[in-house]
Structures are given as structure tokens and as C-alpha cells.
């Protein structure tokens, strides 16, 4: 089966390069340049995965993502030069499957595409290991139904892992999400915060929170975390 990938990217050179790479990998690529072309295409065409530029000449790539989500759970990867953490969260809130900052590592992008396509062709099963984080009330809910009230900073730390199952989230990104400059921040403060969070969860009856420390780099959460 040849998978069809939709690319919406307005920078001609990058669009052409990405199209060529994906075609060489055996994908059928539909390359578009703006929101209007997307609207024309979806009126009659379909696709298995979408790669969307965040900033387009006639709109925002998130608007396209939201349009896709009205009718389908098709995998969507956002590619963007917008690096602010708040903007990445906005993309995740709109239900993007992955969010990559330009310049993109092509090997990483291809690996993500393969993973998302595999996931989308497997039978859908209930997510029994999904954790839920209410970022407004700062409440974490375990798959077993255990509810833990967090501090604002603990909530901000966990938000960094939404949409990144098993992937390493760099500690610099977490520090920025907390509102600090990684260049002058004492990383031992972050380590202490994570240690206290683990202890809080244990005291609440959660002894298996799957947060792994990746020493010298950051942390990885080996379970799905959904923002509610």
C-alpha cells in the first residue's frame, strides 16, 4: 500500500526538497502552498497523513488542522519556525500528533511519519494507560482514577510531555516552560521539583508514574498524557 502524504508548505525550495525526499521514500505526495489550495483539494481528495506549515500566506496551519479534526483523526505533523513553547502547546491543544521546529532533522521526521502511519493502520483499542492533566485546575488523573492536585509549576512541567509518549523532553525546554532562562537556571532546582512530584504521587497512591530521568538531557514519560 502506498501512503498518500499531504504537504502544505509555502516556501518553494523547502516544499520541493521535502516532496522529493518523501517521494524517494515511496510516498505519494500532494504538495500545496496555502489554505485555499487545501480547501480545493479536500473537497475531492483524501490523504493518510498531513505535514502542515504553521505560517501560510493566507492563514494559519492550525486552522487547517482544526478543519481536518472536524471529520478525521488523520495523523498531522506541524512544521514551523515558531519556537515559543506556548505556540507548541496551542498546536497540541488543536490535536496535532507532532510539532517540529525548523530546521527539521529529516531522519527524525521520517521516523515520526513511519510511526504515525503504523499507528493509524493498527486496530484502535481503548487507551488503558492514558493519564489526564487538567491544566486549568492543576489536577492529574491516573488511568486507575486516582486524582492528585498539583502546584502550578508541577502542572507546567507535566504539560511539556503531552503528545510526546516515550520521547525525551530536553530540560531546557521544561525550564523555559517554567519561565526561566536555561543559561542561568540551576538545573538542580528542576531535579528537586521532579523528585518532589514523584514523592507526592507516591504518597497519593501512585507508585508507577512512568517518568524516566535521562541523565544530562531531560526526562521521558512512557505513557500517554492527555490535556483536558
Protein backbone atom coordinates (compact mmCIF):
# COMPACT_ATOMS: atom_id res chain seq x y z
CA UNK A 1 0.00 0.00 0.00
CA UNK A 2 1.35 3.41 -1.00
CA UNK A 3 0.57 6.02 1.62
CA UNK A 4 -0.56 9.44 0.46
CA UNK A 5 1.03 12.38 2.30
CA UNK A 6 -0.32 15.92 2.09
CA UNK A 7 2.29 18.68 2.42
CA UNK A 8 1.11 22.27 2.90
CA UNK A 9 4.23 24.46 2.78
CA UNK A 10 4.57 27.91 1.17
CA UNK A 11 8.38 28.09 0.95
CA UNK A 12 9.09 26.77 -2.59
CA UNK A 13 12.59 25.36 -2.04
CA UNK A 14 11.68 23.57 1.17
CA UNK A 15 8.44 22.26 -0.32
CA UNK A 16 10.31 20.89 -3.35
CA UNK A 17 13.04 19.29 -1.21
CA UNK A 18 10.53 17.71 1.16
CA UNK A 19 8.44 16.42 -1.72
CA UNK A 20 11.49 14.85 -3.35
CA UNK A 21 12.62 13.17 -0.12
CA UNK A 22 9.18 11.73 0.61
CA UNK A 23 8.76 10.54 -2.98
CA UNK A 24 12.12 8.75 -2.83
CA UNK A 25 10.89 7.06 0.35
CA UNK A 26 7.96 5.65 -1.65
CA UNK A 27 5.18 8.01 -0.58
CA UNK A 28 2.62 9.59 -2.87
CA UNK A 29 2.96 13.33 -2.15
CA UNK A 30 0.39 16.08 -2.69
CA UNK A 31 2.19 19.43 -2.33
CA UNK A 32 0.11 22.55 -1.66
CA UNK A 33 1.13 26.10 -0.83
CA UNK A 34 -1.73 27.72 1.11
CA UNK A 35 -5.09 27.33 2.83
CA UNK A 36 -7.08 27.99 -0.33
CA UNK A 37 -5.38 25.14 -2.19
CA UNK A 38 -6.05 22.88 0.79
CA UNK A 39 -9.77 23.70 0.70
CA UNK A 40 -9.91 22.93 -3.02
CA UNK A 41 -8.08 19.62 -2.57
CA UNK A 42 -10.05 18.23 0.39
CA UNK A 43 -13.29 18.84 -1.46
CA UNK A 44 -12.40 15.86 -3.64
CA UNK A 45 -9.21 14.19 -2.39
CA UNK A 46 -8.01 12.18 0.62
CA UNK A 47 -4.69 11.53 2.36
CA UNK A 48 -3.14 9.30 5.04
CA UNK A 49 -1.00 11.90 6.81
CA UNK A 50 -0.58 15.68 6.67
CA UNK A 51 2.50 17.83 7.16
CA UNK A 52 1.45 21.43 7.76
CA UNK A 53 3.47 24.62 7.83
CA UNK A 54 2.36 26.80 10.72
CA UNK A 55 2.54 30.16 8.93
CA UNK A 56 0.90 30.37 5.49
CA UNK A 57 0.30 33.41 3.25
CA UNK A 58 -3.48 33.24 3.65
CA UNK A 59 -3.87 31.82 7.15
CA UNK A 60 -2.59 29.65 9.96
CA UNK A 61 -1.73 25.96 9.59
CA UNK A 62 -3.59 25.30 12.82
CA UNK A 63 -6.80 26.35 11.05
CA UNK A 64 -6.18 23.53 8.57
CA UNK A 65 -5.50 21.14 11.44
CA UNK A 66 -8.79 22.11 13.08
CA UNK A 67 -10.61 21.58 9.77
CA UNK A 68 -9.10 18.09 9.46
CA UNK A 69 -10.12 17.26 13.03
CA UNK A 70 -13.76 18.10 12.29
CA UNK A 71 -14.10 14.83 10.39
CA UNK A 72 -10.97 12.69 10.79
CA UNK A 73 -8.21 11.52 13.14
CA UNK A 74 -5.67 11.53 10.30
CA UNK A 75 -2.10 11.96 11.65
CA UNK A 76 -0.87 15.56 11.44
CA UNK A 77 2.67 16.89 11.86
CA UNK A 78 3.18 20.64 12.30
CA UNK A 79 6.41 22.11 10.88
CA UNK A 80 7.14 25.65 11.93
CA UNK A 81 9.66 28.36 12.62
CA UNK A 82 7.55 29.47 15.60
CA UNK A 83 9.56 28.16 18.55
CA UNK A 84 7.68 29.60 21.54
CA UNK A 85 6.53 26.91 23.95
CA UNK A 86 3.04 28.45 24.16
CA UNK A 87 2.64 28.04 20.40
CA UNK A 88 3.64 24.37 20.57
CA UNK A 89 1.02 23.86 23.27
CA UNK A 90 -1.55 25.56 21.06
CA UNK A 91 -0.76 23.05 18.32
CA UNK A 92 -1.10 20.16 20.76
CA UNK A 93 -4.39 21.57 22.07
CA UNK A 94 -5.64 21.55 18.47
CA UNK A 95 -4.73 17.83 18.42
CA UNK A 96 -1.55 17.81 16.35
CA UNK A 97 0.22 14.45 16.59
CA UNK A 98 3.67 16.02 16.49
CA UNK A 99 5.20 19.50 16.41
CA UNK A 100 8.67 20.05 14.92
CA UNK A 101 10.67 23.28 14.84
CA UNK A 102 12.51 24.26 11.66
CA UNK A 103 15.16 23.50 10.59
CA UNK A 104 13.88 19.94 10.69
CA UNK A 105 16.04 16.86 11.07
CA UNK A 106 14.88 14.77 8.10
CA UNK A 107 15.75 11.42 9.70
CA UNK A 108 13.66 12.35 12.72
CA UNK A 109 10.78 13.48 10.51
CA UNK A 110 10.81 10.23 8.52
CA UNK A 111 10.86 8.19 11.73
CA UNK A 112 7.86 10.11 13.05
CA UNK A 113 6.00 9.60 9.76
CA UNK A 114 6.61 5.84 9.87
CA UNK A 115 5.46 5.63 13.49
CA UNK A 116 2.28 7.63 12.88
CA UNK A 117 1.35 5.64 9.78
CA UNK A 118 1.90 2.35 11.63
CA UNK A 119 -0.25 3.55 14.50
CA UNK A 120 -3.01 4.72 12.19
CA UNK A 121 -3.23 1.37 10.39
CA UNK A 122 -3.44 -0.68 13.60
CA UNK A 123 -6.84 -1.54 15.15
CA UNK A 124 -7.98 1.13 17.56
CA UNK A 125 -8.08 -0.02 21.18
CA UNK A 126 -9.02 1.86 24.31
CA UNK A 127 -6.04 3.66 25.81
CA UNK A 128 -5.77 1.97 29.18
CA UNK A 129 -2.53 3.73 30.09
CA UNK A 130 -3.64 7.30 29.38
CA UNK A 131 -3.05 9.88 32.10
CA UNK A 132 -5.07 13.10 32.08
CA UNK A 133 -3.92 16.54 33.11
CA UNK A 134 -6.37 19.38 33.69
CA UNK A 135 -4.06 22.33 33.15
CA UNK A 136 -6.66 24.78 34.47
CA UNK A 137 -7.30 23.14 37.83
CA UNK A 138 -3.76 21.67 38.03
CA UNK A 139 -5.13 18.16 38.52
CA UNK A 140 -3.55 14.90 37.38
CA UNK A 141 -5.79 11.85 36.93
CA UNK A 142 -4.21 8.41 36.68
CA UNK A 143 -5.61 5.63 34.42
CA UNK A 144 -6.87 3.96 37.61
CA UNK A 145 -8.82 7.07 38.57
CA UNK A 146 -6.51 8.44 41.28
CA UNK A 147 -6.68 12.24 41.35
CA UNK A 148 -3.76 14.38 42.52
CA UNK A 149 -3.81 18.17 42.97
CA UNK A 150 -0.57 19.69 41.67
CA UNK A 151 1.13 23.03 42.11
CA UNK A 152 1.13 25.40 39.14
CA UNK A 153 4.78 24.63 38.37
CA UNK A 154 4.25 20.87 38.64
CA UNK A 155 1.39 21.22 36.16
CA UNK A 156 3.57 23.26 33.79
CA UNK A 157 6.29 20.60 33.94
CA UNK A 158 3.88 17.79 33.05
CA UNK A 159 2.32 19.78 30.20
CA UNK A 160 5.67 19.52 28.43
CA UNK A 161 5.12 15.75 27.94
CA UNK A 162 1.68 15.94 26.30
CA UNK A 163 1.89 14.37 22.85
CA UNK A 164 5.43 13.02 23.34
CA UNK A 165 4.97 9.42 24.52
CA UNK A 166 8.36 7.89 25.33
CA UNK A 167 10.28 10.78 23.78
CA UNK A 168 12.94 12.73 25.63
CA UNK A 169 11.88 16.26 26.50
CA UNK A 170 15.01 18.36 26.98
CA UNK A 171 15.34 20.01 30.37
CA UNK A 172 16.00 23.39 28.69
CA UNK A 173 12.51 23.23 27.18
CA UNK A 174 10.99 22.44 30.58
CA UNK A 175 12.87 25.33 32.19
CA UNK A 176 11.61 27.72 29.51
CA UNK A 177 8.05 26.48 30.11
CA UNK A 178 8.54 27.45 33.76
CA UNK A 179 9.50 30.95 32.67
CA UNK A 180 13.22 30.79 33.35
CA UNK A 181 16.38 31.21 31.26
CA UNK A 182 18.19 27.83 30.93
CA UNK A 183 21.51 29.66 30.59
CA UNK A 184 21.38 30.88 34.20
CA UNK A 185 18.96 28.41 35.78
CA UNK A 186 20.30 25.94 38.34
CA UNK A 187 19.15 22.56 36.97
CA UNK A 188 19.30 21.11 40.47
CA UNK A 189 16.09 23.07 41.16
CA UNK A 190 14.35 21.17 38.37
CA UNK A 191 15.69 17.85 39.67
CA UNK A 192 14.36 18.70 43.14
CA UNK A 193 10.98 19.66 41.71
CA UNK A 194 10.68 16.37 39.81
CA UNK A 195 11.77 14.42 42.88
CA UNK A 196 9.10 16.13 44.99
CA UNK A 197 6.49 15.45 42.31
CA UNK A 198 7.33 11.75 42.31
CA UNK A 199 7.11 11.69 46.11
CA UNK A 200 3.74 13.46 46.04
CA UNK A 201 2.37 10.91 43.59
CA UNK A 202 3.68 8.02 45.70
CA UNK A 203 2.02 9.45 48.83
CA UNK A 204 -1.21 9.71 46.83
CA UNK A 205 -1.06 6.01 45.99
CA UNK A 206 0.59 6.28 42.56
CA UNK A 207 3.75 4.18 42.70
CA UNK A 208 4.19 3.54 38.99
CA UNK A 209 4.29 7.00 37.41
CA UNK A 210 6.34 6.26 34.25
CA UNK A 211 8.56 9.37 34.25
CA UNK A 212 12.15 8.44 33.41
CA UNK A 213 15.17 10.63 34.04
CA UNK A 214 17.52 10.78 31.05
CA UNK A 215 20.64 11.97 32.78
CA UNK A 216 22.31 15.03 31.32
CA UNK A 217 19.47 15.54 28.84
CA UNK A 218 15.97 15.66 30.31
CA UNK A 219 13.03 13.37 31.00
CA UNK A 220 10.77 10.96 29.13
CA UNK A 221 7.20 9.97 30.04
CA UNK A 222 6.50 6.41 28.94
CA UNK A 223 2.73 6.76 28.82
CA UNK A 224 0.16 8.89 27.05
CA UNK A 225 -0.66 12.19 28.78
CA UNK A 226 -3.77 13.98 27.57
CA UNK A 227 -4.54 17.63 28.29
CA UNK A 228 -8.15 18.26 29.30
